[in-house]
Amino acid sequence: VSMQTAAQQVATGEITRATRSVTLDGVVVNEGEVIGLVNGRLSSANLALTAVLDDVLAGMGLEDREIVSLYYGQDITEAEAEEVVAHIENAYPDVEIELLPGGQPHYFYILGAE
C-alpha cells in the first residue's frame, strides 16, 4: 500500500467550538455551539457535544474502521476524554480506541480512524 493510498484510507474528525455564527457546507452554526468536521469539512453543529460526536463518527464511517486515535485538547480532562471513549465503545464495540493527550488548543478532540 502506497503512502498516498494509506493517507486516503484515514478518516479525520475534529470537534471544537464555533467562534462566530456562519452557514457553511449547508450547516447552520451559531456562535458558541460545538461543531464537528469530517475530513476537514464542517458536518454538524449542536449545543450537545455527544450529538456532534455521533455525527462525526458516522461521517468518518466508523462501522468500517478498526482503530480510532482520539487526541484530547488542553481544556479537556482525562476523565472527560474517558467518558467520550466509553461513548464510542458503546456505539462501536468492534473498534479499538487509542486515547492520547494531544494538548491541542481550540480543539476539544481530534480523531483519526483507520
PDB file of N, CA and C in Angstrom:
ATOM      1  N   VAL A   1       0.853  -1.193   0.000  1.00  0.00           N
ATOM      2  CA  VAL A   1       0.000   0.000   0.000  1.00  0.00           C
ATOM      3  C   VAL A   1       0.890   1.246   0.000  1.00  0.00           C
ATOM      4  N   SER A   2       0.663   2.123  -0.963  1.00  0.00           N
ATOM      5  CA  SER A   2       1.457   3.349  -1.033  1.00  0.00           C
ATOM      6  C   SER A   2       1.068   4.294   0.097  1.00  0.00           C
ATOM      7  N   MET A   3       1.952   5.250   0.404  1.00  0.00           N
ATOM      8  CA  MET A   3       1.655   6.226   1.459  1.00  0.00           C
ATOM      9  C   MET A   3       0.421   7.053   1.096  1.00  0.00           C
ATOM     10  N   GLN A   4       0.294   7.392  -0.197  1.00  0.00           N
ATOM     11  CA  GLN A   4      -0.862   8.189  -0.618  1.00  0.00           C
ATOM     12  C   GLN A   4      -2.155   7.408  -0.411  1.00  0.00           C
ATOM     13  N   THR A   5      -2.145   6.137  -0.778  1.00  0.00           N
ATOM     14  CA  THR A   5      -3.327   5.295  -0.579  1.00  0.00           C
ATOM     15  C   THR A   5      -3.636   5.165   0.902  1.00  0.00           C
ATOM     16  N   ALA A   6      -2.599   4.954   1.708  1.00  0.00           N
ATOM     17  CA  ALA A   6      -2.788   4.827   3.153  1.00  0.00           C
ATOM     18  C   ALA A   6      -3.385   6.105   3.731  1.00  0.00           C
ATOM     19  N   ALA A   7      -2.899   7.253   3.277  1.00  0.00           N
ATOM     20  CA  ALA A   7      -3.406   8.533   3.773  1.00  0.00           C
ATOM     21  C   ALA A   7      -4.876   8.715   3.405  1.00  0.00           C
ATOM     22  N   GLN A   8      -5.261   8.254   2.216  1.00  0.00           N
ATOM     23  CA  GLN A   8      -6.654   8.376   1.788  1.00  0.00           C
ATOM     24  C   GLN A   8      -7.566   7.467   2.605  1.00  0.00           C
ATOM     25  N   GLN A   9      -6.995   6.420   3.177  1.00  0.00           N
ATOM     26  CA  GLN A   9      -7.795   5.475   3.941  1.00  0.00           C
ATOM     27  C   GLN A   9      -8.027   5.946   5.375  1.00  0.00           C
ATOM     28  N   VAL A  10      -7.327   6.986   5.801  1.00  0.00           N
ATOM     29  CA  VAL A  10      -7.506   7.521   7.149  1.00  0.00           C
ATOM     30  C   VAL A  10      -8.600   8.586   7.107  1.00  0.00           C
ATOM     31  N   ALA A  11      -9.581   8.442   7.985  1.00  0.00           N
ATOM     32  CA  ALA A  11     -10.633   9.455   8.109  1.00  0.00           C
ATOM     33  C   ALA A  11     -10.311  10.308   9.326  1.00  0.00           C
ATOM     34  N   THR A  12     -10.539  11.620   9.219  1.00  0.00           N
ATOM     35  CA  THR A  12     -10.261  12.503  10.345  1.00  0.00           C
ATOM     36  C   THR A  12     -11.540  13.180  10.825  1.00  0.00           C
ATOM     37  N   GLY A  13     -11.557  13.466  12.122  1.00  0.00           N
ATOM     38  CA  GLY A  13     -12.656  14.204  12.718  1.00  0.00           C
ATOM     39  C   GLY A  13     -12.105  15.227  13.689  1.00  0.00           C
ATOM     40  N   GLU A  14     -12.770  16.363  13.764  1.00  0.00           N
ATOM     41  CA  GLU A  14     -12.356  17.415  14.692  1.00  0.00           C
ATOM     42  C   GLU A  14     -13.604  17.960  15.377  1.00  0.00           C
ATOM     43  N   ILE A  15     -13.475  18.209  16.672  1.00  0.00           N
ATOM     44  CA  ILE A  15     -14.590  18.774  17.431  1.00  0.00           C
ATOM     45  C   ILE A  15     -14.074  19.994  18.181  1.00  0.00           C
ATOM     46  N   THR A  16     -14.744  21.129  17.967  1.00  0.00           N
ATOM     47  CA  THR A  16     -14.314  22.388  18.558  1.00  0.00           C
ATOM     48  C   THR A  16     -15.551  23.244  18.843  1.00  0.00           C
ATOM     49  N   ARG A  17     -15.337  24.487  19.206  1.00  0.00           N
ATOM     50  CA  ARG A  17     -16.462  25.396  19.469  1.00  0.00           C
ATOM     51  C   ARG A  17     -16.449  26.518  18.433  1.00  0.00           C
ATOM     52  N   ALA A  18     -17.623  26.865  17.946  1.00  0.00           N
ATOM     53  CA  ALA A  18     -17.751  27.934  16.959  1.00  0.00           C
ATOM     54  C   ALA A  18     -17.455  29.285  17.604  1.00  0.00           C
ATOM     55  N   THR A  19     -16.602  30.063  16.960  1.00  0.00           N
ATOM     56  CA  THR A  19     -16.260  31.393  17.468  1.00  0.00           C
ATOM     57  C   THR A  19     -17.129  32.472  16.826  1.00  0.00           C
ATOM     58  N   ARG A  20     -17.935  32.075  15.816  1.00  0.00           N
ATOM     59  CA  ARG A  20     -18.839  33.026  15.166  1.00  0.00           C
ATOM     60  C   ARG A  20     -20.000  32.255  14.550  1.00  0.00           C
ATOM     61  N   SER A  21     -21.064  32.972  14.225  1.00  0.00           N
ATOM     62  CA  SER A  21     -22.208  32.366  13.542  1.00  0.00           C
ATOM     63  C   SER A  21     -21.944  32.370  12.045  1.00  0.00           C
ATOM     64  N   VAL A  22     -22.264  31.250  11.388  1.00  0.00           N
ATOM     65  CA  VAL A  22     -21.978  31.118   9.960  1.00  0.00           C
ATOM     66  C   VAL A  22     -22.828  29.982   9.390  1.00  0.00           C
ATOM     67  N   THR A  23     -23.069  30.025   8.098  1.00  0.00           N
ATOM     68  CA  THR A  23     -23.643  28.870   7.399  1.00  0.00           C
ATOM     69  C   THR A  23     -22.592  28.429   6.397  1.00  0.00           C
ATOM     70  N   LEU A  24     -22.158  27.172   6.511  1.00  0.00           N
ATOM     71  CA  LEU A  24     -21.067  26.657   5.681  1.00  0.00           C
ATOM     72  C   LEU A  24     -21.361  25.209   5.340  1.00  0.00           C
ATOM     73  N   ASP A  25     -21.159  24.840   4.090  1.00  0.00           N
ATOM     74  CA  ASP A  25     -21.422  23.463   3.644  1.00  0.00           C
ATOM     75  C   ASP A  25     -22.833  23.015   4.030  1.00  0.00           C
ATOM     76  N   GLY A  26     -23.787  23.962   4.016  1.00  0.00           N
ATOM     77  CA  GLY A  26     -25.171  23.634   4.323  1.00  0.00           C
ATOM     78  C   GLY A  26     -25.480  23.468   5.804  1.00  0.00           C
ATOM     79  N   VAL A  27     -24.496  23.744   6.659  1.00  0.00           N
ATOM     80  CA  VAL A  27     -24.682  23.607   8.104  1.00  0.00           C
ATOM     81  C   VAL A  27     -24.811  25.001   8.719  1.00  0.00           C
ATOM     82  N   VAL A  28     -25.893  25.216   9.456  1.00  0.00           N
ATOM     83  CA  VAL A  28     -26.101  26.493  10.150  1.00  0.00           C
ATOM     84  C   VAL A  28     -25.449  26.398  11.527  1.00  0.00           C
ATOM     85  N   VAL A  29     -24.540  27.326  11.793  1.00  0.00           N
ATOM     86  CA  VAL A  29     -23.785  27.318  13.047  1.00  0.00           C
ATOM     87  C   VAL A  29     -24.055  28.611  13.800  1.00  0.00           C
ATOM     88  N   ASN A  30     -24.344  28.492  15.086  1.00  0.00           N
ATOM     89  CA  ASN A  30     -24.471  29.665  15.944  1.00  0.00           C
ATOM     90  C   ASN A  30     -23.234  29.771  16.822  1.00  0.00           C
ATOM     91  N   GLU A  31     -22.773  31.000  17.020  1.00  0.00           N
ATOM     92  CA  GLU A  31     -21.597  31.228  17.860  1.00  0.00           C
ATOM     93  C   GLU A  31     -21.763  30.525  19.205  1.00  0.00           C
ATOM     94  N   GLY A  32     -20.726  29.818  19.637  1.00  0.00           N
ATOM     95  CA  GLY A  32     -20.746  29.133  20.922  1.00  0.00           C
ATOM     96  C   GLY A  32     -21.156  27.673  20.852  1.00  0.00           C
ATOM     97  N   GLU A  33     -21.730  27.251  19.710  1.00  0.00           N
ATOM     98  CA  GLU A  33     -22.108  25.846  19.572  1.00  0.00           C
ATOM     99  C   GLU A  33     -20.870  24.970  19.371  1.00  0.00           C
ATOM    100  N   VAL A  34     -21.019  23.697  19.695  1.00  0.00           N
ATOM    101  CA  VAL A  34     -19.983  22.712  19.398  1.00  0.00           C
ATOM    102  C   VAL A  34     -20.137  22.356  17.925  1.00  0.00           C
ATOM    103  N   ILE A  35     -19.014  22.328  17.194  1.00  0.00           N
ATOM    104  CA  ILE A  35     -19.068  21.978  15.775  1.00  0.00           C
ATOM    105  C   ILE A  35     -18.156  20.788  15.495  1.00  0.00           C
ATOM    106  N   GLY A  36     -18.534  20.037  14.473  1.00  0.00           N
ATOM    107  CA  GLY A  36     -17.758  18.872  14.080  1.00  0.00           C
ATOM    108  C   GLY A  36     -17.358  18.959  12.624  1.00  0.00           C
ATOM    109  N   LEU A  37     -16.132  18.535  12.348  1.00  0.00           N
ATOM    110  CA  LEU A  37     -15.629  18.481  10.982  1.00  0.00           C
ATOM    111  C   LEU A  37     -15.227  17.044  10.670  1.00  0.00           C
ATOM    112  N   VAL A  38     -15.528  16.605   9.458  1.00  0.00           N
ATOM    113  CA  VAL A  38     -15.117  15.286   8.985  1.00  0.00           C
ATOM    114  C   VAL A  38     -14.259  15.505   7.750  1.00  0.00           C
ATOM    115  N   ASN A  39     -13.026  15.009   7.802  1.00  0.00           N
ATOM    116  CA  ASN A  39     -12.077  15.184   6.699  1.00  0.00           C
ATOM    117  C   ASN A  39     -11.990  16.655   6.271  1.00  0.00           C
ATOM    118  N   GLY A  40     -12.002  17.550   7.274  1.00  0.00           N
ATOM    119  CA  GLY A  40     -11.812  18.976   7.032  1.00  0.00           C
ATOM    120  C   GLY A  40     -13.059  19.748   6.650  1.00  0.00           C
ATOM    121  N   ARG A  41     -14.186  19.066   6.480  1.00  0.00           N
ATOM    122  CA  ARG A  41     -15.435  19.747   6.103  1.00  0.00           C
ATOM    123  C   ARG A  41     -16.389  19.808   7.290  1.00  0.00           C
ATOM    124  N   LEU A  42     -17.009  20.963   7.468  1.00  0.00           N
ATOM    125  CA  LEU A  42     -17.994  21.132   8.531  1.00  0.00           C
ATOM    126  C   LEU A  42     -19.138  20.147   8.320  1.00  0.00           C
ATOM    127  N   SER A  43     -19.464  19.388   9.367  1.00  0.00           N
ATOM    128  CA  SER A  43     -20.517  18.376   9.214  1.00  0.00           C
ATOM    129  C   SER A  43     -21.682  18.571  10.169  1.00  0.00           C
ATOM    130  N   SER A  44     -21.451  19.219  11.314  1.00  0.00           N
ATOM    131  CA  SER A  44     -22.552  19.377  12.264  1.00  0.00           C
ATOM    132  C   SER A  44     -22.282  20.480  13.270  1.00  0.00           C
ATOM    133  N   ALA A  45     -23.381  20.952  13.859  1.00  0.00           N
ATOM    134  CA  ALA A  45     -23.315  21.952  14.924  1.00  0.00           C
ATOM    135  C   ALA A  45     -24.456  21.670  15.886  1.00  0.00           C
ATOM    136  N   ASN A  46     -24.151  21.724  17.181  1.00  0.00           N
ATOM    137  CA  ASN A  46     -25.162  21.425  18.189  1.00  0.00           C
ATOM    138  C   ASN A  46     -24.650  21.951  19.521  1.00  0.00           C
ATOM    139  N   LEU A  47     -25.542  22.206  20.456  1.00  0.00           N
ATOM    140  CA  LEU A  47     -25.098  22.600  21.792  1.00  0.00           C
ATOM    141  C   LEU A  47     -24.523  21.404  22.552  1.00  0.00           C
ATOM    142  N   ALA A  48     -24.950  20.184  22.181  1.00  0.00           N
ATOM    143  CA  ALA A  48     -24.508  18.970  22.876  1.00  0.00           C
ATOM    144  C   ALA A  48     -23.316  18.336  22.168  1.00  0.00           C
ATOM    145  N   LEU A  49     -22.217  18.194  22.889  1.00  0.00           N
ATOM    146  CA  LEU A  49     -21.011  17.595  22.317  1.00  0.00           C
ATOM    147  C   LEU A  49     -21.279  16.175  21.827  1.00  0.00           C
ATOM    148  N   THR A  50     -22.048  15.386  22.579  1.00  0.00           N
ATOM    149  CA  THR A  50     -22.272  13.991  22.167  1.00  0.00           C
ATOM    150  C   THR A  50     -23.037  13.903  20.849  1.00  0.00           C
ATOM    151  N   ALA A  51     -23.946  14.832  20.592  1.00  0.00           N
ATOM    152  CA  ALA A  51     -24.674  14.836  19.319  1.00  0.00           C
ATOM    153  C   ALA A  51     -23.711  15.095  18.166  1.00  0.00           C
ATOM    154  N   VAL A  52     -22.795  16.034  18.352  1.00  0.00           N
ATOM    155  CA  VAL A  52     -21.790  16.338  17.331  1.00  0.00           C
ATOM    156  C   VAL A  52     -20.842  15.150  17.170  1.00  0.00           C
ATOM    157  N   LEU A  53     -20.422  14.571  18.282  1.00  0.00           N
ATOM    158  CA  LEU A  53     -19.538  13.403  18.244  1.00  0.00           C
ATOM    159  C   LEU A  53     -20.169  12.274  17.433  1.00  0.00           C
ATOM    160  N   ASP A  54     -21.443  11.973  17.692  1.00  0.00           N
ATOM    161  CA  ASP A  54     -22.127  10.898  16.966  1.00  0.00           C
ATOM    162  C   ASP A  54     -22.148  11.170  15.467  1.00  0.00           C
ATOM    163  N   ASP A  55     -22.397  12.422  15.094  1.00  0.00           N
ATOM    164  CA  ASP A  55     -22.429  12.798  13.687  1.00  0.00           C
ATOM    165  C   ASP A  55     -21.049  12.641  13.049  1.00  0.00           C
ATOM    166  N   VAL A  56     -20.013  13.081  13.760  1.00  0.00           N
ATOM    167  CA  VAL A  56     -18.640  12.978  13.251  1.00  0.00           C
ATOM    168  C   VAL A  56     -18.241  11.511  13.075  1.00  0.00           C
ATOM    169  N   LEU A  57     -18.555  10.685  14.071  1.00  0.00           N
ATOM    170  CA  LEU A  57     -18.208   9.262  13.994  1.00  0.00           C
ATOM    171  C   LEU A  57     -18.895   8.596  12.809  1.00  0.00           C
ATOM    172  N   ALA A  58     -20.170   8.919  12.594  1.00  0.00           N
ATOM    173  CA  ALA A  58     -20.901   8.360  11.451  1.00  0.00           C
ATOM    174  C   ALA A  58     -20.276   8.838  10.142  1.00  0.00           C
ATOM    175  N   GLY A  59     -19.928  10.128  10.090  1.00  0.00           N
ATOM    176  CA  GLY A  59     -19.317  10.694   8.890  1.00  0.00           C
ATOM    177  C   GLY A  59     -17.956  10.099   8.572  1.00  0.00           C
ATOM    178  N   MET A  60     -17.262   9.643   9.612  1.00  0.00           N
ATOM    179  CA  MET A  60     -15.952   9.005   9.436  1.00  0.00           C
ATOM    180  C   MET A  60     -16.093   7.540   9.028  1.00  0.00           C
ATOM    181  N   GLY A  61     -17.320   7.035   8.965  1.00  0.00           N
ATOM    182  CA  GLY A  61     -17.550   5.643   8.589  1.00  0.00           C
ATOM    183  C   GLY A  61     -16.995   4.664   9.600  1.00  0.00           C
ATOM    184  N   LEU A  62     -17.222   4.956  10.879  1.00  0.00           N
ATOM    185  CA  LEU A  62     -16.584   4.171  11.942  1.00  0.00           C
ATOM    186  C   LEU A  62     -16.972   2.696  11.929  1.00  0.00           C
ATOM    187  N   GLU A  63     -18.146   2.379  11.394  1.00  0.00           N
ATOM    188  CA  GLU A  63     -18.543   0.968  11.367  1.00  0.00           C
ATOM    189  C   GLU A  63     -17.604   0.132  10.490  1.00  0.00           C
ATOM    190  N   ASP A  64     -16.877   0.794   9.580  1.00  0.00           N
ATOM    191  CA  ASP A  64     -15.942   0.084   8.694  1.00  0.00           C
ATOM    192  C   ASP A  64     -14.485   0.261   9.117  1.00  0.00           C
ATOM    193  N   ARG A  65     -14.248   0.788  10.292  1.00  0.00           N
ATOM    194  CA  ARG A  65     -12.885   1.064  10.759  1.00  0.00           C
ATOM    195  C   ARG A  65     -12.469   0.081  11.836  1.00  0.00           C
ATOM    196  N   GLU A  66     -11.154  -0.054  12.022  1.00  0.00           N
ATOM    197  CA  GLU A  66     -10.628  -0.979  13.027  1.00  0.00           C
ATOM    198  C   GLU A  66     -10.104  -0.263  14.263  1.00  0.00           C
ATOM    199  N   ILE A  67      -9.498   0.909  14.050  1.00  0.00           N
ATOM    200  CA  ILE A  67      -8.871   1.614  15.172  1.00  0.00           C
ATOM    201  C   ILE A  67      -9.122   3.114  15.063  1.00  0.00           C
ATOM    202  N   VAL A  68      -9.352   3.724  16.208  1.00  0.00           N
ATOM    203  CA  VAL A  68      -9.540   5.174  16.277  1.00  0.00           C
ATOM    204  C   VAL A  68      -8.532   5.736  17.271  1.00  0.00           C
ATOM    205  N   SER A  69      -7.809   6.759  16.843  1.00  0.00           N
ATOM    206  CA  SER A  69      -6.939   7.504  17.757  1.00  0.00           C
ATOM    207  C   SER A  69      -7.702   8.765  18.153  1.00  0.00           C
ATOM    208  N   LEU A  70      -7.864   8.964  19.458  1.00  0.00           N
ATOM    209  CA  LEU A  70      -8.608  10.108  19.983  1.00  0.00           C
ATOM    210  C   LEU A  70      -7.643  10.983  20.772  1.00  0.00           C
ATOM    211  N   TYR A  71      -7.369  12.179  20.246  1.00  0.00           N
ATOM    212  CA  TYR A  71      -6.472  13.131  20.907  1.00  0.00           C
ATOM    213  C   TYR A  71      -7.334  14.169  21.610  1.00  0.00           C
ATOM    214  N   TYR A  72      -7.165  14.295  22.920  1.00  0.00           N
ATOM    215  CA  TYR A  72      -7.977  15.294  23.629  1.00  0.00           C
ATOM    216  C   TYR A  72      -7.163  16.563  23.876  1.00  0.00           C
ATOM    217  N   GLY A  73      -7.863  17.695  23.827  1.00  0.00           N
ATOM    218  CA  GLY A  73      -7.229  19.003  23.894  1.00  0.00           C
ATOM    219  C   GLY A  73      -6.852  19.448  25.295  1.00  0.00           C
ATOM    220  N   GLN A  74      -6.171  20.582  25.350  1.00  0.00           N
ATOM    221  CA  GLN A  74      -5.631  21.087  26.618  1.00  0.00           C
ATOM    222  C   GLN A  74      -6.715  21.466  27.620  1.00  0.00           C
ATOM    223  N   ASP A  75      -7.931  21.736  27.149  1.00  0.00           N
ATOM    224  CA  ASP A  75      -9.009  22.125  28.061  1.00  0.00           C
ATOM    225  C   ASP A  75      -9.903  20.952  28.461  1.00  0.00           C
ATOM    226  N   ILE A  76      -9.524  19.741  28.065  1.00  0.00           N
ATOM    227  CA  ILE A  76     -10.300  18.534  28.364  1.00  0.00           C
ATOM    228  C   ILE A  76      -9.541  17.711  29.398  1.00  0.00           C
ATOM    229  N   THR A  77     -10.244  17.267  30.436  1.00  0.00           N
ATOM    230  CA  THR A  77      -9.594  16.410  31.435  1.00  0.00           C
ATOM    231  C   THR A  77      -9.556  14.974  30.920  1.00  0.00           C
ATOM    232  N   GLU A  78      -8.650  14.178  31.484  1.00  0.00           N
ATOM    233  CA  GLU A  78      -8.572  12.774  31.084  1.00  0.00           C
ATOM    234  C   GLU A  78      -9.891  12.061  31.390  1.00  0.00           C
ATOM    235  N   ALA A  79     -10.521  12.418  32.515  1.00  0.00           N
ATOM    236  CA  ALA A  79     -11.809  11.816  32.881  1.00  0.00           C
ATOM    237  C   ALA A  79     -12.881  12.125  31.833  1.00  0.00           C
ATOM    238  N   GLU A  80     -12.916  13.361  31.345  1.00  0.00           N
ATOM    239  CA  GLU A  80     -13.874  13.727  30.291  1.00  0.00           C
ATOM    240  C   GLU A  80     -13.597  12.927  29.021  1.00  0.00           C
ATOM    241  N   ALA A  81     -12.317  12.796  28.692  1.00  0.00           N
ATOM    242  CA  ALA A  81     -11.932  12.046  27.492  1.00  0.00           C
ATOM    243  C   ALA A  81     -12.314  10.577  27.627  1.00  0.00           C
ATOM    244  N   GLU A  82     -12.167  10.028  28.823  1.00  0.00           N
ATOM    245  CA  GLU A  82     -12.531   8.621  29.045  1.00  0.00           C
ATOM    246  C   GLU A  82     -14.037   8.410  28.901  1.00  0.00           C
ATOM    247  N   GLU A  83     -14.840   9.427  29.246  1.00  0.00           N
ATOM    248  CA  GLU A  83     -16.291   9.337  29.031  1.00  0.00           C
ATOM    249  C   GLU A  83     -16.607   9.266  27.540  1.00  0.00           C
ATOM    250  N   VAL A  84     -15.857  10.027  26.744  1.00  0.00           N
ATOM    251  CA  VAL A  84     -16.041  10.003  25.290  1.00  0.00           C
ATOM    252  C   VAL A  84     -15.643   8.632  24.742  1.00  0.00           C
ATOM    253  N   VAL A  85     -14.539   8.074  25.247  1.00  0.00           N
ATOM    254  CA  VAL A  85     -14.114   6.733  24.831  1.00  0.00           C
ATOM    255  C   VAL A  85     -15.224   5.721  25.122  1.00  0.00           C
ATOM    256  N   ALA A  86     -15.804   5.785  26.318  1.00  0.00           N
ATOM    257  CA  ALA A  86     -16.887   4.867  26.690  1.00  0.00           C
ATOM    258  C   ALA A  86     -18.083   5.029  25.754  1.00  0.00           C
ATOM    259  N   HIS A  87     -18.380   6.266  25.381  1.00  0.00           N
ATOM    260  CA  HIS A  87     -19.486   6.547  24.460  1.00  0.00           C
ATOM    261  C   HIS A  87     -19.222   5.897  23.098  1.00  0.00           C
ATOM    262  N   ILE A  88     -17.979   6.039  22.605  1.00  0.00           N
ATOM    263  CA  ILE A  88     -17.616   5.447  21.309  1.00  0.00           C
ATOM    264  C   ILE A  88     -17.662   3.922  21.391  1.00  0.00           C
ATOM    265  N   GLU A  89     -17.106   3.364  22.470  1.00  0.00           N
ATOM    266  CA  GLU A  89     -17.091   1.904  22.644  1.00  0.00           C
ATOM    267  C   GLU A  89     -18.504   1.336  22.684  1.00  0.00           C
ATOM    268  N   ASN A  90     -19.418   2.065  23.300  1.00  0.00           N
ATOM    269  CA  ASN A  90     -20.809   1.629  23.377  1.00  0.00           C
ATOM    270  C   ASN A  90     -21.453   1.598  21.989  1.00  0.00           C
ATOM    271  N   ALA A  91     -21.163   2.611  21.182  1.00  0.00           N
ATOM    272  CA  ALA A  91     -21.758   2.716  19.847  1.00  0.00           C
ATOM    273  C   ALA A  91     -21.062   1.817  18.826  1.00  0.00           C
ATOM    274  N   TYR A  92     -19.749   1.627  18.999  1.00  0.00           N
ATOM    275  CA  TYR A  92     -18.948   0.856  18.042  1.00  0.00           C
ATOM    276  C   TYR A  92     -18.081  -0.149  18.796  1.00  0.00           C
ATOM    277  N   PRO A  93     -18.683  -1.233  19.299  1.00  0.00           N
ATOM    278  CA  PRO A  93     -17.941  -2.166  20.163  1.00  0.00           C
ATOM    279  C   PRO A  93     -16.776  -2.887  19.482  1.00  0.00           C
ATOM    280  N   ASP A  94     -16.762  -2.942  18.149  1.00  0.00           N
ATOM    281  CA  ASP A  94     -15.697  -3.664  17.443  1.00  0.00           C
ATOM    282  C   ASP A  94     -14.482  -2.788  17.134  1.00  0.00           C
ATOM    283  N   VAL A  95     -14.562  -1.499  17.451  1.00  0.00           N
ATOM    284  CA  VAL A  95     -13.469  -0.576  17.136  1.00  0.00           C
ATOM    285  C   VAL A  95     -12.540  -0.427  18.338  1.00  0.00           C
ATOM    286  N   GLU A  96     -11.240  -0.540  18.083  1.00  0.00           N
ATOM    287  CA  GLU A  96     -10.242  -0.325  19.135  1.00  0.00           C
ATOM    288  C   GLU A  96      -9.979   1.177  19.240  1.00  0.00           C
ATOM    289  N   ILE A  97      -9.935   1.697  20.467  1.00  0.00           N
ATOM    290  CA  ILE A  97      -9.748   3.135  20.669  1.00  0.00           C
ATOM    291  C   ILE A  97      -8.464   3.393  21.430  1.00  0.00           C
ATOM    292  N   GLU A  98      -7.661   4.285  20.862  1.00  0.00           N
ATOM    293  CA  GLU A  98      -6.401   4.699  21.476  1.00  0.00           C
ATOM    294  C   GLU A  98      -6.601   6.133  21.968  1.00  0.00           C
ATOM    295  N   LEU A  99      -6.534   6.340  23.282  1.00  0.00           N
ATOM    296  CA  LEU A  99      -6.729   7.666  23.875  1.00  0.00           C
ATOM    297  C   LEU A  99      -5.373   8.309  24.131  1.00  0.00           C
ATOM    298  N   LEU A 100      -5.189   9.512  23.589  1.00  0.00           N
ATOM    299  CA  LEU A 100      -3.899  10.194  23.687  1.00  0.00           C
ATOM    300  C   LEU A 100      -4.085  11.650  24.091  1.00  0.00           C
ATOM    301  N   PRO A 101      -3.235  12.164  25.004  1.00  0.00           N
ATOM    302  CA  PRO A 101      -3.302  13.585  25.358  1.00  0.00           C
ATOM    303  C   PRO A 101      -2.658  14.424  24.259  1.00  0.00           C
ATOM    304  N   GLY A 102      -3.478  15.027  23.406  1.00  0.00           N
ATOM    305  CA  GLY A 102      -2.947  15.832  22.307  1.00  0.00           C
ATOM    306  C   GLY A 102      -2.454  17.187  22.782  1.00  0.00           C
ATOM    307  N   GLY A 103      -3.139  17.731  23.803  1.00  0.00           N
ATOM    308  CA  GLY A 103      -2.758  19.033  24.338  1.00  0.00           C
ATOM    309  C   GLY A 103      -3.031  20.193  23.399  1.00  0.00           C
ATOM    310  N   GLN A 104      -3.799  19.939  22.336  1.00  0.00           N
ATOM    311  CA  GLN A 104      -4.022  20.988  21.346  1.00  0.00           C
ATOM    312  C   GLN A 104      -4.955  22.069  21.900  1.00  0.00           C
ATOM    313  N   PRO A 105      -4.654  23.341  21.584  1.00  0.00           N
ATOM    314  CA  PRO A 105      -5.570  24.419  21.955  1.00  0.00           C
ATOM    315  C   PRO A 105      -6.748  24.436  20.969  1.00  0.00           C
ATOM    316  N   HIS A 106      -7.836  25.031  21.353  1.00  0.00           N
ATOM    317  CA  HIS A 106      -9.001  25.289  20.494  1.00  0.00           C
ATOM    318  C   HIS A 106      -9.849  24.059  20.159  1.00  0.00           C
ATOM    319  N   TYR A 107      -9.224  22.923  19.892  1.00  0.00           N
ATOM    320  CA  TYR A 107      -9.985  21.725  19.530  1.00  0.00           C
ATOM    321  C   TYR A 107     -10.165  20.840  20.751  1.00  0.00           C
ATOM    322  N   PHE A 108     -11.422  20.477  21.053  1.00  0.00           N
ATOM    323  CA  PHE A 108     -11.690  19.568  22.173  1.00  0.00           C
ATOM    324  C   PHE A 108     -11.110  18.197  21.861  1.00  0.00           C
ATOM    325  N   TYR A 109     -11.416  17.726  20.643  1.00  0.00           N
ATOM    326  CA  TYR A 109     -10.967  16.394  20.229  1.00  0.00           C
ATOM    327  C   TYR A 109     -10.558  16.405  18.766  1.00  0.00           C
ATOM    328  N   ILE A 110      -9.512  15.641  18.465  1.00  0.00           N
ATOM    329  CA  ILE A 110      -9.122  15.342  17.090  1.00  0.00           C
ATOM    330  C   ILE A 110      -9.099  13.819  16.988  1.00  0.00           C
ATOM    331  N   LEU A 111      -9.734  13.295  15.954  1.00  0.00           N
ATOM    332  CA  LEU A 111      -9.829  11.849  15.777  1.00  0.00           C
ATOM    333  C   LEU A 111      -9.226  11.428  14.445  1.00  0.00           C
ATOM    334  N   GLY A 112      -8.610  10.271  14.451  1.00  0.00           N
ATOM    335  CA  GLY A 112      -8.127   9.649  13.225  1.00  0.00           C
ATOM    336  C   GLY A 112      -8.577   8.205  13.242  1.00  0.00           C
ATOM    337  N   ALA A 113      -9.141   7.731  12.137  1.00  0.00           N
ATOM    338  CA  ALA A 113      -9.634   6.352  12.087  1.00  0.00           C
ATOM    339  C   ALA A 113      -9.071   5.637  10.872  1.00  0.00           C
ATOM    340  N   GLU A 114      -8.641   4.394  11.105  1.00  0.00           N
ATOM    341  CA  GLU A 114      -8.110   3.571  10.015  1.00  0.00           C
ATOM    342  C   GLU A 114      -8.942   2.315   9.890  1.00  0.00           C
TER     343      GLU A 114
END
